Amino acid sequence: MSDTYWHLLLANSMVDLAKNSKTKSAAYALLVAFEELIDAYASLEDKHFHEEYLEEGWKKRREWMEEHNLIDKWERLIYLCKKVIEGREDHLKEMFDTIESLKISL
């Protein structure tokens, strides 16, 4: 099976996990789901971000997100996750909505 398939499968699994998790765990799972969606769509362009060094992989992933106008969504998700961890559980819905919009828009 293709890299794209596996990344999408993991992204969907993380969303399902988030739906059945406590709030803080759900927020983290949604960050991972976003990362996997990015990796899935990048793999369609034969781009892969699993480097020997995590920092290098994230540098390339961020560059890809910037090229595809997705960096603002990533930064917004990080902000929302921080708010959820601080106890603002109402921000979790926006995180779910962001992930769902990414599935449709790419």
Protein backbone atom coordinates (compact mmCIF):
# COMPACT_ATOMS: atom_id res chain seq x y z
CA MET A 1 0.00 0.00 0.00
CA SER A 2 1.14 3.52 -0.73
CA ASP A 3 2.63 6.02 1.70
CA THR A 4 -0.35 8.27 1.05
CA TYR A 5 -2.77 5.55 2.11
CA TRP A 6 -0.89 4.84 5.34
CA HIS A 7 -0.68 8.52 6.28
CA LEU A 8 -4.41 8.98 5.61
CA LEU A 9 -5.22 5.83 7.57
CA LEU A 10 -3.21 7.08 10.54
CA ALA A 11 -4.78 10.55 10.28
CA ASN A 12 -8.26 9.03 10.35
CA SER A 13 -7.29 6.80 13.26
CA MET A 14 -6.05 9.82 15.20
CA VAL A 15 -9.31 11.68 14.55
CA ASP A 16 -11.26 8.65 15.78
CA LEU A 17 -9.01 8.48 18.83
CA ALA A 18 -9.61 12.17 19.48
CA LYS A 19 -13.38 11.66 19.32
CA ASN A 20 -13.12 9.06 22.08
CA SER A 21 -10.50 10.74 24.28
CA LYS A 22 -10.43 13.19 27.11
CA THR A 23 -10.07 16.78 25.99
CA LYS A 24 -6.32 17.28 26.36
CA SER A 25 -5.51 13.95 24.75
CA ALA A 26 -7.94 14.73 21.95
CA ALA A 27 -6.18 18.02 21.22
CA TYR A 28 -2.83 16.28 20.91
CA ALA A 29 -4.31 13.54 18.71
CA LEU A 30 -5.66 16.21 16.36
CA LEU A 31 -2.20 17.76 16.03
CA VAL A 32 -0.88 14.35 15.03
CA ALA A 33 -3.79 13.92 12.59
CA PHE A 34 -2.90 17.23 10.93
CA GLU A 35 0.74 16.17 10.63
CA GLU A 36 -0.30 12.89 9.02
CA LEU A 37 -2.61 14.67 6.58
CA ILE A 38 0.25 16.96 5.57
CA ASP A 39 2.52 13.96 5.09
CA ALA A 40 -0.16 12.19 3.04
CA TYR A 41 -0.69 15.05 0.64
CA ALA A 42 3.03 15.78 0.39
CA SER A 43 3.65 12.14 -0.49
CA LEU A 44 1.50 12.68 -3.59
CA GLU A 45 4.29 15.04 -4.70
CA ASP A 46 6.88 12.42 -3.71
CA LYS A 47 7.90 14.50 -0.67
CA HIS A 48 8.68 12.70 2.56
CA PHE A 49 9.58 14.24 5.90
CA HIS A 50 10.82 11.26 7.87
CA GLU A 51 14.45 12.22 8.17
CA GLU A 52 17.16 10.75 10.31
CA TYR A 53 16.94 13.90 12.42
CA LEU A 54 13.50 15.01 13.55
CA GLU A 55 14.44 18.68 13.29
CA GLU A 56 15.33 18.35 9.60
CA GLY A 57 12.06 16.57 8.85
CA TRP A 58 10.05 19.29 10.55
CA LYS A 59 11.98 21.99 8.72
CA LYS A 60 11.01 20.41 5.39
CA ARG A 61 7.42 19.84 6.53
CA ARG A 62 7.09 23.52 7.51
CA GLU A 63 8.52 24.60 4.15
CA TRP A 64 5.95 22.41 2.40
CA MET A 65 3.14 23.87 4.50
CA GLU A 66 4.31 27.40 3.67
CA GLU A 67 4.42 26.58 -0.06
CA HIS A 68 0.85 25.28 0.13
CA ASN A 69 -0.52 28.09 2.34
CA LEU A 70 -1.17 25.77 5.27
CA ILE A 71 1.26 27.16 7.82
CA ASP A 72 -1.41 29.46 9.27
CA LYS A 73 -3.70 26.48 9.88
CA TRP A 74 -0.85 24.65 11.63
CA GLU A 75 -0.03 27.62 13.84
CA ARG A 76 -3.72 28.10 14.64
CA LEU A 77 -4.00 24.44 15.66
CA ILE A 78 -1.02 24.83 17.98
CA TYR A 79 -2.63 27.92 19.51
CA LEU A 80 -5.94 26.09 19.97
CA CYS A 81 -4.19 23.08 21.50
CA LYS A 82 -2.48 25.38 23.99
CA LYS A 83 -5.84 26.89 24.92
CA VAL A 84 -7.39 23.44 25.38
CA ILE A 85 -4.54 22.43 27.68
CA GLU A 86 -5.13 25.63 29.66
CA GLY A 87 -8.71 24.47 30.22
CA ARG A 88 -10.51 26.13 27.30
CA GLU A 89 -12.28 22.99 26.11
CA ASP A 90 -14.50 25.04 23.80
CA HIS A 91 -11.54 25.37 21.40
CA LEU A 92 -11.56 21.64 20.65
CA LYS A 93 -14.45 21.96 18.20
CA GLU A 94 -12.46 24.40 16.06
CA MET A 95 -9.59 21.92 16.03
CA PHE A 96 -11.91 19.19 14.72
CA ASP A 97 -13.35 21.60 12.15
CA THR A 98 -9.87 22.54 10.94
CA ILE A 99 -8.93 18.90 10.39
CA GLU A 100 -12.18 18.23 8.54
CA SER A 101 -11.69 21.30 6.32
CA LEU A 102 -8.20 20.14 5.42
CA LYS A 103 -9.51 16.77 4.32
CA ILE A 104 -11.86 18.55 1.92
CA SER A 105 -9.66 21.40 0.71
CA LEU A 106 -6.59 19.43 -0.35
